[in-house]
Amino acid sequence: MILDGVIFILAFLMAALADKFNIKPVELETLITVLFYIVSSIAFVLGVYGFTFCFSMTKVGKILRKAGNVSYEIYLIHGFVFLIMSQIKKENLYPYLVMVATFFFAECLHILSQGILKKMPK
């Protein structure tokens, strides 16, 4: 409910600025869509963090440690995932599918790279 209010206020401000600076409606629609993705992604991340924080602080530490362990793989693979997932037409699910797929493929790449590194002579 609060998220809808924030998005409405931001969309209203964007419309006022668009009128002031003569921004085309198509560009404004794109800006509002991107803004919606940013706000909803932030709300999703904060919700997950709050959910895990309510249950146990050690779980949060494990999740953050896991994300830190695969951060390089996430950096390497996120462009590929964006390219593959751009074929999906479900626009409201797109950011969440990209996050899940990026983490999944990054984890697979991390496991693969750890296996290769263990076999290398020291």
Protein backbone atom coordinates (compact mmCIF):
# COMPACT_ATOMS: atom_id res chain seq x y z
CA MET A 1 0.00 0.00 0.00
CA ILE A 2 2.81 2.41 0.89
CA LEU A 3 4.72 1.34 -2.22
CA ASP A 4 1.74 2.27 -4.41
CA GLY A 5 1.60 5.70 -2.81
CA VAL A 6 5.32 6.27 -3.33
CA ILE A 7 5.07 5.21 -6.98
CA PHE A 8 2.03 7.48 -7.50
CA ILE A 9 3.80 10.48 -6.00
CA LEU A 10 6.97 9.83 -8.01
CA ALA A 11 4.95 9.35 -11.22
CA PHE A 12 3.10 12.61 -10.53
CA LEU A 13 6.38 14.45 -10.00
CA MET A 14 7.83 12.91 -13.16
CA ALA A 15 4.74 14.04 -15.12
CA ALA A 16 5.11 17.57 -13.77
CA LEU A 17 8.80 17.63 -14.70
CA ALA A 18 8.01 16.19 -18.12
CA ASP A 19 5.53 18.97 -18.73
CA LYS A 20 8.05 21.57 -17.57
CA PHE A 21 10.92 20.24 -19.75
CA ASN A 22 8.82 19.06 -22.74
CA ILE A 23 9.66 15.36 -22.41
CA LYS A 24 7.81 13.09 -24.85
CA PRO A 25 5.12 10.74 -23.41
CA VAL A 26 6.95 7.63 -24.64
CA GLU A 27 10.11 8.66 -22.79
CA LEU A 28 8.07 9.45 -19.69
CA GLU A 29 6.43 6.02 -19.80
CA THR A 30 9.87 4.39 -20.02
CA LEU A 31 11.14 6.46 -17.09
CA ILE A 32 8.12 5.55 -14.96
CA THR A 33 8.55 1.85 -15.83
CA VAL A 34 12.22 1.93 -14.83
CA LEU A 35 11.32 3.80 -11.67
CA PHE A 36 8.71 1.17 -10.84
CA TYR A 37 11.31 -1.59 -11.29
CA ILE A 38 13.79 0.22 -9.07
CA VAL A 39 11.29 0.91 -6.27
CA SER A 40 9.80 -2.59 -6.39
CA SER A 41 13.25 -4.20 -6.42
CA ILE A 42 14.31 -2.17 -3.40
CA ALA A 43 11.08 -3.11 -1.63
CA PHE A 44 11.68 -6.78 -2.51
CA VAL A 45 15.24 -6.75 -1.15
CA LEU A 46 14.20 -4.94 2.02
CA GLY A 47 11.31 -7.36 2.47
CA VAL A 48 13.57 -10.38 2.16
CA TYR A 49 16.10 -8.82 4.51
CA GLY A 50 13.39 -7.97 7.04
CA PHE A 51 11.88 -11.45 6.74
CA THR A 52 15.19 -13.15 7.42
CA PHE A 53 16.06 -10.68 10.17
CA CYS A 54 12.86 -11.55 12.03
CA PHE A 55 13.81 -15.21 12.19
CA SER A 56 17.50 -15.33 12.89
CA MET A 57 20.51 -13.07 12.57
CA THR A 58 22.72 -16.06 11.70
CA LYS A 59 20.60 -16.77 8.62
CA VAL A 60 21.14 -13.22 7.41
CA GLY A 61 24.88 -13.65 7.89
CA LYS A 62 24.82 -16.88 5.89
CA ILE A 63 22.85 -15.27 3.06
CA LEU A 64 25.17 -12.27 2.92
CA ARG A 65 28.24 -14.52 3.05
CA LYS A 66 26.84 -16.63 0.20
CA ALA A 67 26.09 -13.53 -1.87
CA GLY A 68 29.61 -12.26 -1.17
CA ASN A 69 31.14 -15.58 -2.23
CA VAL A 70 29.44 -15.49 -5.63
CA SER A 71 29.66 -11.72 -6.20
CA TYR A 72 32.39 -12.05 -8.85
CA GLU A 73 30.38 -14.69 -10.69
CA ILE A 74 27.29 -12.46 -10.49
CA TYR A 75 29.34 -9.67 -12.05
CA LEU A 76 30.51 -12.01 -14.83
CA ILE A 77 27.14 -13.56 -15.64
CA HIS A 78 24.57 -10.75 -15.19
CA GLY A 79 24.87 -9.43 -18.76
CA PHE A 80 24.26 -12.88 -20.19
CA VAL A 81 21.21 -13.34 -17.97
CA PHE A 82 19.81 -9.94 -19.03
CA LEU A 83 20.21 -10.98 -22.67
CA ILE A 84 18.52 -14.36 -22.19
CA MET A 85 15.73 -13.03 -19.97
CA SER A 86 14.91 -10.13 -22.30
CA GLN A 87 12.90 -12.62 -24.35
CA ILE A 88 10.37 -12.93 -21.51
CA LYS A 89 7.28 -10.82 -22.06
CA LYS A 90 6.01 -10.85 -18.45
CA GLU A 91 7.24 -7.35 -17.61
CA ASN A 92 6.14 -7.30 -13.98
CA LEU A 93 8.05 -10.53 -13.23
CA TYR A 94 11.15 -9.63 -15.26
CA PRO A 95 13.27 -8.02 -12.48
CA TYR A 96 12.62 -10.84 -10.05
CA LEU A 97 13.28 -13.55 -12.64
CA VAL A 98 16.54 -11.83 -13.55
CA MET A 99 17.62 -11.72 -9.89
CA VAL A 100 16.81 -15.39 -9.30
CA ALA A 101 18.34 -16.55 -12.59
CA THR A 102 21.47 -14.46 -12.05
CA PHE A 103 22.01 -15.91 -8.59
CA PHE A 104 21.30 -19.45 -9.85
CA PHE A 105 23.72 -19.26 -12.80
CA ALA A 106 26.32 -17.49 -10.67
CA GLU A 107 26.12 -20.28 -8.11
CA CYS A 108 26.53 -22.89 -10.87
CA LEU A 109 29.56 -21.03 -12.23
CA HIS A 110 31.00 -20.73 -8.71
CA ILE A 111 30.67 -24.47 -8.09
CA LEU A 112 32.25 -25.20 -11.49
CA SER A 113 35.15 -22.81 -10.91
CA GLN A 114 35.78 -24.19 -7.41
CA GLY A 115 35.97 -27.71 -8.85
CA ILE A 116 38.49 -26.61 -11.47
CA LEU A 117 40.57 -24.70 -8.94
CA LYS A 118 40.75 -27.69 -6.59
CA LYS A 119 42.18 -29.87 -9.37
CA MET A 120 44.93 -27.38 -10.22
CA PRO A 121 48.37 -28.13 -8.76
CA LYS A 122 49.55 -25.73 -6.10
